[in-house]
Amino acid sequence: MSDGRFVRPFQNCSRGDVAIVGGKNASLGEMTQTLTGEGIRVPPGFATTADAFRQFLTDNGLDAPIKERLKALSDGEATLAQTGLAIRELILKARWPQEMADAILAAYRDLARAMGTDDIAVAVRSSATAEDLPDASFAGQQETYLNVVGDRALLDAARACYASLFTDRAISYREAKGFEHEKVALSVGVQVMVRSDTGGSGVMFSIDPESGFDKVVVINAAWGLGETVVQGVVDPDEYAVFKPLLGTDGKVPIVEKARGKKAVKMIYGADGKGTRTVPTSRRERSQFVLSDDEIMTLARWAMRIETHYATPMDIEWARDGEDGPLFIVQARPETVRSREDQGVLSQYSVEGEGKVLVEGLAVGAAAVTGEVCLIEDVADLERFVDGSILVTRITDPDWVPIMKRAAGIITDHGGRTSHAAIVSRELGLPAIVGTGDATERLHTGQSITLSCAGGDVGAVFEGAATITRSTVELASLEETRTKVMLNMANPGA
């Protein structure tokens, strides 16, 4: 292993090292150091340092050219697309300094030996030094490469991660959040792959990502690698666990289990490298991904991670299909519901609505009227009309620039932890995900009402309804002498 200037194993990283290895890798190191001893499994790995990134740019003479292109963008002399493409090409054509390449490959071989093999499949993830902060998640702004095997493939993937610091979405996000480009560096995380391609994976929140209710853990799960859940390609299972009863002997406080369609899964590529997406079997679609014991284990882990970080958390997990164990592969602070003003309650009501056109999972509690702008391919983003309601199959980080200009969002696929849902919450937009067939039933220019005001189920109505909003300052409400009780049920079940 190297002297730590270019490479650090996860066990030598902690959450105080964001400036050195980025938010994602700092968190992986923190969990490796403090939580693996409590039974929370984190796949081993290592991170390249911010110094390595800066040295890579300097040794290839890229500092000045990158600065010039960013200045041209800020001066209006180049477009965002032109700027991002030019910088990425510069980085992708650059060569690894020998000492740096040697350090990365030595760490990779040490990792393989520790796992008892010569070549090992790894996930290669980008970790920016400004990400996963309390008020800016930076989720999905840079690239991830899965099932990377071999020296050359690793160096190529790591260089591509460096280049992804300058994707169009990453540049625009930093500008929106007020981060100076030259002050943000990129660390590459190299982590042993969990064989979830033959098992399952997903995302969980230690807080209800929809309501902000902090007494539940919400878990989404699908077959195969977890990118399908994150990207919203698949409609996942969803489980909710009541946290106050988790530590009670004999109690199984799983308060909700909803089976998703799970029509596809991501697995290893045909040549044993890379990935591909394939249809699931009828049996897989009809089964829950997780057993009750696995749901309870993940929920306990989520609570422990939340306690350690002292904030609600957004966590990615994976289950090895070869041996069966569960792993935590990422954890970051939840940056939307946990920071909302809990003293104000906003309610929307919809009157004069037309017939229901489609339904899906509601994201938020707002409602909006507008015209549909149907876009099915990222290549057609220029056709988006500002202020319209975006209708598409799924979204990924490349869609963020137009999502910011939308009045609302409707997708065919995805759950509450999908990209479309998470970004919609961050932007404060009403959204309906997992409709199944919105792109078939809705068309560009159509006047609709998107309503998330009816609870868990969001509805799209024909025509423009009348929407009213009322706001209540909860501190101004008088205490009642009558004891208030609630008969709980899920009307959507």
Protein backbone atom coordinates (compact mmCIF):
# COMPACT_ATOMS: atom_id res chain seq x y z
CA MET A 1 0.00 0.00 0.00
CA SER A 2 1.16 3.56 -0.70
CA ASP A 3 2.11 6.25 1.80
CA GLY A 4 -1.42 7.66 1.72
CA ARG A 5 -0.66 10.63 -0.55
CA PHE A 6 -2.57 9.15 -3.48
CA VAL A 7 -4.53 6.22 -1.98
CA ARG A 8 -6.15 5.47 1.37
CA PRO A 9 -7.91 2.24 2.43
CA PHE A 10 -11.41 2.79 3.81
CA GLN A 11 -10.25 1.80 7.29
CA ASN A 12 -7.94 4.83 7.27
CA CYS A 13 -10.74 7.27 6.35
CA SER A 14 -13.34 8.92 8.57
CA ARG A 15 -16.13 11.46 8.22
CA GLY A 16 -13.67 14.22 8.99
CA ASP A 17 -11.85 13.45 5.73
CA VAL A 18 -14.39 14.89 3.27
CA ALA A 19 -11.79 17.34 1.96
CA ILE A 20 -9.41 14.41 1.32
CA VAL A 21 -11.60 11.59 -0.04
CA GLY A 22 -15.01 13.21 -0.62
CA GLY A 23 -18.26 12.72 1.21
CA LYS A 24 -19.12 9.24 -0.07
CA ASN A 25 -15.72 7.71 0.70
CA ALA A 26 -15.42 9.52 4.02
CA SER A 27 -18.72 7.97 5.07
CA LEU A 28 -17.67 4.49 3.94
CA GLY A 29 -14.48 4.87 5.96
CA GLU A 30 -16.41 6.11 8.98
CA MET A 31 -18.71 3.08 8.93
CA THR A 32 -15.79 0.70 8.34
CA GLN A 33 -13.98 2.10 11.38
CA THR A 34 -16.88 2.43 13.79
CA LEU A 35 -19.80 0.20 12.81
CA THR A 36 -18.41 -3.00 11.32
CA GLY A 37 -17.52 -4.11 14.84
CA GLU A 38 -21.26 -3.98 15.63
CA GLY A 39 -22.13 -6.37 12.81
CA ILE A 40 -22.94 -3.83 10.09
CA ARG A 41 -21.17 -5.15 7.00
CA VAL A 42 -19.43 -2.70 4.65
CA PRO A 43 -17.58 -4.12 1.60
CA PRO A 44 -13.84 -3.36 1.83
CA GLY A 45 -12.14 -0.95 -0.51
CA PHE A 46 -9.96 2.13 -0.88
CA ALA A 47 -10.16 5.71 -2.08
CA THR A 48 -7.92 7.92 -4.17
CA THR A 49 -7.26 11.31 -2.60
CA ALA A 50 -8.10 14.85 -3.63
CA ASP A 51 -4.34 15.45 -3.93
CA ALA A 52 -4.21 12.66 -6.52
CA PHE A 53 -6.88 14.38 -8.60
CA ARG A 54 -5.16 17.74 -8.45
CA GLN A 55 -1.79 16.16 -9.26
CA PHE A 56 -3.38 14.33 -12.21
CA LEU A 57 -4.61 17.64 -13.65
CA THR A 58 -1.31 19.45 -13.01
CA ASP A 59 0.91 16.72 -14.45
CA ASN A 60 -1.20 16.70 -17.62
CA GLY A 61 -1.19 20.49 -17.90
CA LEU A 62 -4.99 20.75 -17.57
CA ASP A 63 -5.45 23.43 -14.91
CA ALA A 64 -5.26 26.41 -17.27
CA PRO A 65 -7.33 24.91 -20.13
CA ILE A 66 -10.11 23.91 -17.72
CA LYS A 67 -10.11 27.37 -16.13
CA GLU A 68 -10.31 29.01 -19.56
CA ARG A 69 -13.31 26.91 -20.61
CA LEU A 70 -15.18 27.60 -17.38
CA LYS A 71 -14.51 31.33 -17.80
CA ALA A 72 -15.89 31.18 -21.35
CA LEU A 73 -19.03 29.58 -19.92
CA SER A 74 -19.48 32.26 -17.25
CA ASP A 75 -18.87 34.99 -19.85
CA GLY A 76 -21.54 33.55 -22.11
CA GLU A 77 -19.03 32.69 -24.85
CA ALA A 78 -19.75 28.93 -24.68
CA THR A 79 -22.74 26.80 -23.79
CA LEU A 80 -22.91 24.40 -20.87
CA ALA A 81 -22.86 21.42 -23.24
CA GLN A 82 -19.83 22.73 -25.14
CA THR A 83 -17.95 23.47 -21.92
CA GLY A 84 -18.62 20.11 -20.27
CA LEU A 85 -17.76 18.11 -23.38
CA ALA A 86 -14.49 19.98 -23.96
CA ILE A 87 -13.29 19.50 -20.37
CA ARG A 88 -14.28 15.84 -20.24
CA GLU A 89 -12.39 15.14 -23.48
CA LEU A 90 -9.26 16.78 -22.04
CA ILE A 91 -9.37 14.54 -18.98
CA LEU A 92 -10.22 11.34 -20.86
CA LYS A 93 -7.21 11.85 -23.15
CA ALA A 94 -4.85 12.48 -20.23
CA ARG A 95 -2.38 9.87 -18.98
CA TRP A 96 -1.93 8.53 -15.48
CA PRO A 97 1.28 9.69 -13.78
CA GLN A 98 3.27 6.48 -13.22
CA GLU A 99 3.61 6.84 -9.44
CA MET A 100 -0.14 7.40 -9.12
CA ALA A 101 -1.08 4.48 -11.36
CA ASP A 102 1.29 2.23 -9.39
CA ALA A 103 -0.33 3.26 -6.10
CA ILE A 104 -3.87 2.58 -7.38
CA LEU A 105 -2.97 -0.80 -8.85
CA ALA A 106 -1.02 -1.83 -5.74
CA ALA A 107 -4.10 -1.06 -3.61
CA TYR A 108 -6.29 -3.02 -6.05
CA ARG A 109 -4.00 -6.05 -5.87
CA ASP A 110 -3.88 -5.85 -2.07
CA LEU A 111 -7.69 -5.83 -2.08
CA ALA A 112 -7.80 -8.86 -4.39
CA ARG A 113 -5.32 -10.79 -2.24
CA ALA A 114 -7.34 -10.03 0.87
CA MET A 115 -10.35 -11.58 -0.89
CA GLY A 116 -8.32 -14.63 -1.91
CA THR A 117 -8.14 -13.99 -5.67
CA ASP A 118 -5.97 -12.40 -8.36
CA ASP A 119 -8.54 -10.21 -10.14
CA ILE A 120 -11.57 -8.97 -8.27
CA ALA A 121 -14.75 -7.25 -9.46
CA VAL A 122 -15.11 -3.78 -7.97
CA ALA A 123 -17.49 -0.86 -8.03
CA VAL A 124 -15.73 2.36 -9.03
CA ARG A 125 -17.58 5.38 -7.63
CA SER A 126 -17.03 9.12 -7.79
CA SER A 127 -16.87 11.04 -4.51
CA ALA A 128 -16.62 14.82 -4.76
CA THR A 129 -15.06 16.78 -1.92
CA ALA A 130 -18.18 18.98 -1.63
CA GLU A 131 -20.82 16.24 -1.67
CA ASP A 132 -23.10 14.73 0.97
CA LEU A 133 -23.11 17.95 2.97
CA PRO A 134 -26.13 18.73 5.20
CA ASP A 135 -27.67 21.11 2.66
CA ALA A 136 -26.40 19.65 -0.65
CA SER A 137 -26.50 15.95 -1.48
CA PHE A 138 -24.72 16.08 -4.88
CA ALA A 139 -26.36 12.65 -5.36
CA GLY A 140 -25.84 11.24 -8.83
CA GLN A 141 -23.86 14.21 -10.11
CA GLN A 142 -20.82 12.09 -11.01
CA GLU A 143 -20.50 8.62 -12.51
CA THR A 144 -20.37 5.10 -11.06
CA TYR A 145 -19.04 2.03 -12.86
CA LEU A 146 -19.99 -1.47 -11.71
CA ASN A 147 -18.32 -4.88 -12.13
CA VAL A 148 -14.95 -3.46 -13.15
CA VAL A 149 -12.30 -6.19 -13.44
CA GLY A 150 -8.57 -5.87 -14.14
CA ASP A 151 -5.83 -3.24 -14.01
CA ARG A 152 -6.57 -1.45 -17.26
CA ALA A 153 -10.33 -1.44 -16.72
CA LEU A 154 -9.83 0.03 -13.25
CA LEU A 155 -7.60 2.88 -14.45
CA ASP A 156 -9.98 3.64 -17.32
CA ALA A 157 -12.98 3.72 -14.98
CA ALA A 158 -11.14 5.92 -12.46
CA ARG A 159 -10.18 8.40 -15.22
CA ALA A 160 -13.80 8.43 -16.41
CA CYS A 161 -14.84 9.27 -12.84
CA TYR A 162 -12.42 12.21 -12.89
CA ALA A 163 -13.98 13.41 -16.14
CA SER A 164 -17.48 13.11 -14.67
CA LEU A 165 -16.73 15.96 -12.27
CA PHE A 166 -17.49 18.06 -15.35
CA THR A 167 -20.71 16.52 -16.61
CA ASP A 168 -23.22 19.18 -17.60
CA ARG A 169 -25.36 18.31 -14.59
CA ALA A 170 -22.41 18.52 -12.16
CA ILE A 171 -21.30 21.92 -13.49
CA SER A 172 -24.83 23.37 -13.30
CA TYR A 173 -25.43 21.88 -9.83
CA ARG A 174 -22.26 23.44 -8.40
CA GLU A 175 -23.20 26.79 -9.87
CA ALA A 176 -26.71 26.55 -8.43
CA LYS A 177 -25.30 25.70 -4.99
CA GLY A 178 -22.59 28.36 -5.13
CA PHE A 179 -19.55 26.06 -5.14
CA GLU A 180 -16.45 27.30 -6.96
CA HIS A 181 -15.41 24.70 -9.57
CA GLU A 182 -11.70 24.92 -8.93
CA LYS A 183 -12.20 24.28 -5.21
CA VAL A 184 -13.98 20.97 -5.72
CA ALA A 185 -11.83 17.87 -6.25
CA LEU A 186 -12.78 14.27 -6.92
CA SER A 187 -11.90 11.09 -5.08
CA VAL A 188 -12.48 7.67 -6.63
CA GLY A 189 -13.85 4.95 -4.37
CA VAL A 190 -12.94 1.37 -5.29
CA GLN A 191 -15.14 -1.11 -3.42
CA VAL A 192 -15.48 -4.90 -3.65
CA MET A 193 -18.67 -5.77 -5.54
CA VAL A 194 -21.45 -7.45 -3.59
CA ARG A 195 -22.94 -10.20 -5.77
CA SER A 196 -26.35 -8.58 -5.62
CA ASP A 197 -26.69 -9.33 -9.34
CA THR A 198 -27.81 -12.77 -8.16
CA GLY A 199 -29.43 -11.39 -5.01
CA GLY A 200 -31.16 -8.08 -4.38
CA SER A 201 -30.47 -4.49 -3.43
CA GLY A 202 -32.07 -1.13 -2.87
CA VAL A 203 -32.30 2.07 -0.88
CA MET A 204 -33.60 2.84 2.59
CA PHE A 205 -34.28 6.00 4.56
CA SER A 206 -34.22 6.26 8.35
CA ILE A 207 -37.07 8.77 7.99
CA ASP A 208 -40.17 8.67 5.81
CA PRO A 209 -38.86 10.48 2.71
CA GLU A 210 -42.39 11.59 1.84
CA SER A 211 -43.87 12.91 5.09
CA GLY A 212 -40.71 13.45 7.11
CA PHE A 213 -42.11 11.21 9.87
CA ASP A 214 -39.04 10.19 11.87
CA LYS A 215 -40.44 7.06 13.56
CA VAL A 216 -40.19 4.74 10.55
CA VAL A 217 -37.54 3.21 8.33
CA VAL A 218 -38.65 2.99 4.69
CA ILE A 219 -36.94 0.35 2.54
CA ASN A 220 -37.16 -0.15 -1.24
CA ALA A 221 -35.92 -3.42 -2.74
CA ALA A 222 -35.50 -4.99 -6.18
CA TRP A 223 -33.72 -7.96 -7.70
CA GLY A 224 -30.20 -7.50 -9.03
CA LEU A 225 -27.86 -4.53 -8.75
CA GLY A 226 -29.20 -1.42 -7.03
CA GLU A 227 -28.85 1.02 -9.90
CA THR A 228 -32.34 0.09 -11.15
CA VAL A 229 -33.86 1.34 -7.87
CA VAL A 230 -31.76 4.51 -7.76
CA GLN A 231 -32.46 5.34 -11.40
CA GLY A 232 -36.16 4.54 -11.10
CA VAL A 233 -36.00 1.94 -13.89
CA VAL A 234 -37.87 -0.55 -11.73
CA ASP A 235 -40.98 -0.34 -9.53
CA PRO A 236 -39.55 -1.82 -6.29
CA ASP A 237 -40.99 -3.50 -3.23
CA GLU A 238 -41.53 -1.12 -0.32
CA TYR A 239 -41.41 -1.93 3.37
CA ALA A 240 -41.97 0.32 6.39
CA VAL A 241 -40.77 -0.52 9.90
CA PHE A 242 -41.88 1.27 13.09
CA LYS A 243 -38.67 2.28 14.85
CA PRO A 244 -39.84 2.58 18.49
CA LEU A 245 -40.66 -1.15 18.63
CA LEU A 246 -37.50 -2.39 16.91
CA GLY A 247 -35.71 -3.05 20.16
CA THR A 248 -38.63 -4.90 21.73
CA ASP A 249 -38.11 -8.64 22.10
CA GLY A 250 -40.48 -10.73 20.02
CA LYS A 251 -41.92 -7.75 18.13
CA VAL A 252 -41.87 -7.59 14.32
CA PRO A 253 -42.96 -3.97 13.74
CA ILE A 254 -43.21 -4.15 9.95
CA VAL A 255 -46.19 -1.87 9.37
CA GLU A 256 -46.28 -2.04 5.57
CA LYS A 257 -45.19 -4.43 2.82
CA ALA A 258 -46.05 -3.51 -0.78
CA ARG A 259 -44.88 -5.78 -3.58
CA GLY A 260 -43.54 -3.91 -6.62
CA LYS A 261 -43.71 -5.07 -10.22
CA LYS A 262 -39.91 -5.45 -10.47
CA ALA A 263 -40.12 -6.06 -14.23
CA VAL A 264 -36.35 -5.90 -14.84
CA LYS A 265 -33.08 -6.40 -13.01
CA MET A 266 -29.46 -5.38 -13.60
CA ILE A 267 -26.93 -8.22 -13.65
CA TYR A 268 -23.30 -8.79 -14.66
CA GLY A 269 -22.52 -8.51 -18.37
CA ALA A 270 -22.43 -11.53 -20.64
CA ASP A 271 -18.60 -11.50 -20.65
CA GLY A 272 -18.44 -11.33 -16.85
CA LYS A 273 -17.63 -7.60 -16.95
CA GLY A 274 -19.85 -4.53 -16.95
CA THR A 275 -23.63 -4.83 -16.56
CA ARG A 276 -26.81 -5.43 -18.53
CA THR A 277 -30.51 -5.15 -17.75
CA VAL A 278 -32.75 -8.17 -18.33
CA PRO A 279 -36.40 -9.07 -17.63
CA THR A 280 -37.18 -10.73 -14.31
CA SER A 281 -38.89 -14.11 -14.14
CA ARG A 282 -42.56 -14.52 -13.27
CA ARG A 283 -41.50 -16.02 -9.94
CA GLU A 284 -39.29 -13.02 -9.10
CA ARG A 285 -42.10 -10.60 -9.93
CA SER A 286 -44.50 -12.46 -7.64
CA GLN A 287 -42.14 -12.66 -4.64
CA PHE A 288 -40.91 -10.14 -2.11
CA VAL A 289 -37.17 -9.53 -2.38
CA LEU A 290 -36.60 -9.50 1.39
CA SER A 291 -37.71 -11.82 4.18
CA ASP A 292 -39.09 -10.35 7.41
CA ASP A 293 -35.80 -11.13 9.19
CA GLU A 294 -33.84 -9.27 6.50
CA ILE A 295 -36.21 -6.30 6.69
CA MET A 296 -35.73 -6.14 10.45
CA THR A 297 -31.93 -6.40 10.13
CA LEU A 298 -31.76 -3.54 7.65
CA ALA A 299 -34.08 -1.41 9.77
CA ARG A 300 -31.90 -1.96 12.85
CA TRP A 301 -28.82 -1.04 10.83
CA ALA A 302 -30.53 2.12 9.56
CA MET A 303 -31.35 3.14 13.13
CA ARG A 304 -27.79 2.49 14.29
CA ILE A 305 -26.31 4.46 11.39
CA GLU A 306 -28.72 7.33 12.05
CA THR A 307 -27.76 7.35 15.72
CA HIS A 308 -24.07 7.37 14.88
CA TYR A 309 -24.39 10.29 12.46
CA ALA A 310 -27.04 12.04 14.59
CA THR A 311 -29.13 12.84 11.51
CA PRO A 312 -31.64 11.05 9.25
CA MET A 313 -29.83 9.00 6.61
CA ASP A 314 -30.22 7.93 2.97
CA ILE A 315 -28.62 4.47 2.71
CA GLU A 316 -27.92 2.03 -0.12
CA TRP A 317 -27.81 -1.68 0.70
CA ALA A 318 -27.13 -4.93 -1.17
CA ARG A 319 -27.63 -8.64 -0.53
CA ASP A 320 -25.12 -11.15 -1.83
CA GLY A 321 -26.95 -13.82 -3.83
CA GLU A 322 -24.01 -16.23 -3.57
CA ASP A 323 -23.63 -16.38 0.22
CA GLY A 324 -26.70 -14.47 1.44
CA PRO A 325 -25.33 -11.70 3.72
CA LEU A 326 -26.52 -8.10 3.65
CA PHE A 327 -24.15 -5.14 3.17
CA ILE A 328 -24.29 -1.35 3.39
CA VAL A 329 -22.62 0.13 0.30
CA GLN A 330 -23.34 3.84 0.81
CA ALA A 331 -24.75 6.18 3.46
CA ARG A 332 -25.31 9.91 3.25
CA PRO A 333 -27.35 12.47 5.21
CA GLU A 334 -30.95 12.95 4.08
CA THR A 335 -31.07 16.56 2.90
CA VAL A 336 -34.74 17.41 2.28
CA ARG A 337 -37.34 16.33 4.85
CA SER A 338 -34.97 16.57 7.81
CA ARG A 339 -34.38 20.26 7.03
CA GLU A 340 -37.97 21.32 6.45
CA ASP A 341 -39.78 23.81 8.64
CA GLN A 342 -41.85 21.48 10.83
CA GLY A 343 -43.78 24.40 12.29
CA VAL A 344 -45.80 25.12 9.14
CA LEU A 345 -48.44 22.87 7.59
CA SER A 346 -49.46 23.48 3.98
CA GLN A 347 -52.56 21.81 2.56
CA TYR A 348 -53.82 21.74 -1.02
CA SER A 349 -57.36 21.12 -2.20
CA VAL A 350 -58.48 20.38 -5.75
CA GLU A 351 -61.98 21.23 -7.00
CA GLY A 352 -63.66 20.81 -10.37
CA GLU A 353 -61.26 18.09 -11.47
CA GLY A 354 -61.90 16.08 -14.62
CA LYS A 355 -61.67 12.32 -15.04
CA VAL A 356 -58.66 10.44 -13.72
CA LEU A 357 -56.14 9.75 -16.50
CA VAL A 358 -53.35 7.97 -14.57
CA GLU A 359 -52.37 7.27 -10.97
CA GLY A 360 -49.12 6.49 -9.19
CA LEU A 361 -47.11 7.15 -6.02
CA ALA A 362 -47.47 10.74 -4.80
CA VAL A 363 -44.30 12.69 -4.08
CA GLY A 364 -45.09 15.68 -1.91
CA ALA A 365 -48.57 16.95 -1.06
CA ALA A 366 -48.98 19.76 -3.58
CA ALA A 367 -51.03 20.09 -6.75
CA VAL A 368 -50.47 21.97 -9.99
CA THR A 369 -52.10 22.53 -13.35
CA GLY A 370 -50.31 22.89 -16.66
CA GLU A 371 -49.65 21.48 -20.08
CA VAL A 372 -47.88 18.18 -20.66
CA CYS A 373 -44.43 18.10 -22.21
CA LEU A 374 -43.77 14.45 -23.10
CA ILE A 375 -40.07 13.60 -23.53
CA GLU A 376 -38.97 9.98 -23.79
CA ASP A 377 -35.27 10.36 -24.60
CA VAL A 378 -32.50 12.44 -23.06
CA ALA A 379 -31.49 13.47 -26.58
CA ASP A 380 -34.73 15.47 -26.82
CA LEU A 381 -34.32 17.58 -23.68
CA GLU A 382 -34.05 20.75 -25.77
CA ARG A 383 -37.73 20.34 -26.63
CA PHE A 384 -38.81 20.93 -23.05
CA VAL A 385 -41.08 23.94 -22.54
CA ASP A 386 -40.39 25.91 -19.36
CA GLY A 387 -43.21 25.73 -16.81
CA SER A 388 -44.84 22.64 -18.31
CA ILE A 389 -45.36 19.28 -16.59
CA LEU A 390 -42.63 16.83 -17.57
CA VAL A 391 -43.88 13.35 -18.51
CA THR A 392 -41.29 10.64 -19.15
CA ARG A 393 -40.43 7.01 -18.45
CA ILE A 394 -37.66 7.64 -15.90
CA THR A 395 -35.23 10.42 -15.03
CA ASP A 396 -31.53 10.35 -14.24
CA PRO A 397 -29.09 13.13 -13.30
CA ASP A 398 -28.88 14.28 -16.94
CA TRP A 399 -32.51 15.41 -16.64
CA VAL A 400 -31.97 17.73 -13.67
CA PRO A 401 -31.52 20.95 -15.71
CA ILE A 402 -35.03 20.63 -17.19
CA MET A 403 -36.55 19.24 -13.98
CA LYS A 404 -35.63 22.57 -12.39
CA ARG A 405 -37.76 24.34 -15.01
CA ALA A 406 -40.78 22.04 -14.69
CA ALA A 407 -44.02 22.71 -12.81
CA GLY A 408 -44.35 19.03 -11.95
CA ILE A 409 -43.07 15.60 -12.94
CA ILE A 410 -44.78 12.33 -13.93
CA THR A 411 -42.91 9.08 -14.63
CA ASP A 412 -43.86 5.59 -15.78
CA HIS A 413 -41.48 3.85 -13.39
CA GLY A 414 -39.78 4.29 -10.03
CA GLY A 415 -40.53 4.29 -6.33
CA ARG A 416 -40.23 6.78 -3.50
CA THR A 417 -36.44 6.44 -3.47
CA SER A 418 -35.96 6.79 -7.23
CA HIS A 419 -34.03 9.65 -8.78
CA ALA A 420 -37.23 11.38 -9.94
CA ALA A 421 -38.72 11.27 -6.44
CA ILE A 422 -35.59 12.44 -4.63
CA VAL A 423 -34.89 15.34 -6.98
CA SER A 424 -38.55 16.41 -7.01
CA ARG A 425 -38.48 16.66 -3.22
CA GLU A 426 -35.23 18.63 -3.29
CA LEU A 427 -36.72 21.03 -5.85
CA GLY A 428 -40.07 21.26 -4.03
CA LEU A 429 -41.98 19.96 -7.04
CA PRO A 430 -45.12 17.78 -6.95
CA ALA A 431 -44.46 14.49 -8.74
CA ILE A 432 -46.16 11.19 -9.43
CA VAL A 433 -43.89 8.20 -10.03
CA GLY A 434 -44.54 4.60 -11.01
CA THR A 435 -47.70 5.30 -13.03
CA GLY A 436 -46.94 2.45 -15.41
CA ASP A 437 -48.23 4.04 -18.59
CA ALA A 438 -48.28 7.85 -18.34
CA THR A 439 -46.20 8.18 -21.51
CA GLU A 440 -48.88 6.21 -23.38
CA ARG A 441 -51.92 7.99 -21.93
CA LEU A 442 -50.68 11.60 -21.92
CA HIS A 443 -49.53 13.73 -24.84
CA THR A 444 -47.65 16.99 -25.35
CA GLY A 445 -49.83 20.09 -25.08
CA GLN A 446 -52.57 18.33 -23.11
CA SER A 447 -54.03 20.35 -20.21
CA ILE A 448 -53.92 18.37 -16.95
CA THR A 449 -54.00 18.68 -13.16
CA LEU A 450 -51.29 16.84 -11.22
CA SER A 451 -52.49 16.25 -7.65
CA CYS A 452 -50.56 14.79 -4.73
CA ALA A 453 -53.11 16.20 -2.28
CA GLY A 454 -54.99 12.92 -1.80
CA GLY A 455 -52.45 10.98 0.27
CA ASP A 456 -50.12 8.21 -0.89
CA VAL A 457 -51.76 7.88 -4.31
CA GLY A 458 -51.19 10.72 -6.76
CA ALA A 459 -53.67 11.34 -9.56
CA VAL A 460 -53.54 13.07 -12.92
CA PHE A 461 -56.87 14.63 -13.90
CA GLU A 462 -58.02 15.77 -17.30
CA GLY A 463 -58.15 19.55 -17.68
CA ALA A 464 -57.24 22.42 -15.35
CA ALA A 465 -58.93 22.13 -11.96
CA THR A 466 -59.16 24.83 -9.30
CA ILE A 467 -56.36 24.51 -6.73
CA THR A 468 -56.31 26.28 -3.38
CA ARG A 469 -53.57 26.26 -0.78
CA SER A 470 -53.92 26.93 2.93
CA THR A 471 -51.07 27.36 5.40
CA VAL A 472 -51.26 26.88 9.17
CA GLU A 473 -48.67 27.97 11.72
CA LEU A 474 -48.75 25.01 14.08
CA ALA A 475 -47.44 27.06 17.00
CA SER A 476 -50.54 29.27 16.77
CA LEU A 477 -52.97 26.38 17.33
CA GLU A 478 -54.61 26.24 20.76
CA GLU A 479 -54.26 23.14 22.91
CA THR A 480 -57.46 21.13 23.10
CA ARG A 481 -58.92 19.83 26.33
CA THR A 482 -60.09 16.77 24.45
CA LYS A 483 -57.57 13.96 24.11
CA VAL A 484 -56.95 13.52 20.38
CA MET A 485 -56.69 9.92 19.14
CA LEU A 486 -56.29 8.44 15.69
CA ASN A 487 -57.74 5.36 14.08
CA MET A 488 -54.97 4.42 11.69
CA ALA A 489 -55.49 2.75 8.32
CA ASN A 490 -54.19 2.97 4.79
CA PRO A 491 -57.10 3.93 2.52
CA GLY A 492 -54.98 3.08 -0.52
CA ALA A 493 -54.56 -0.57 0.50
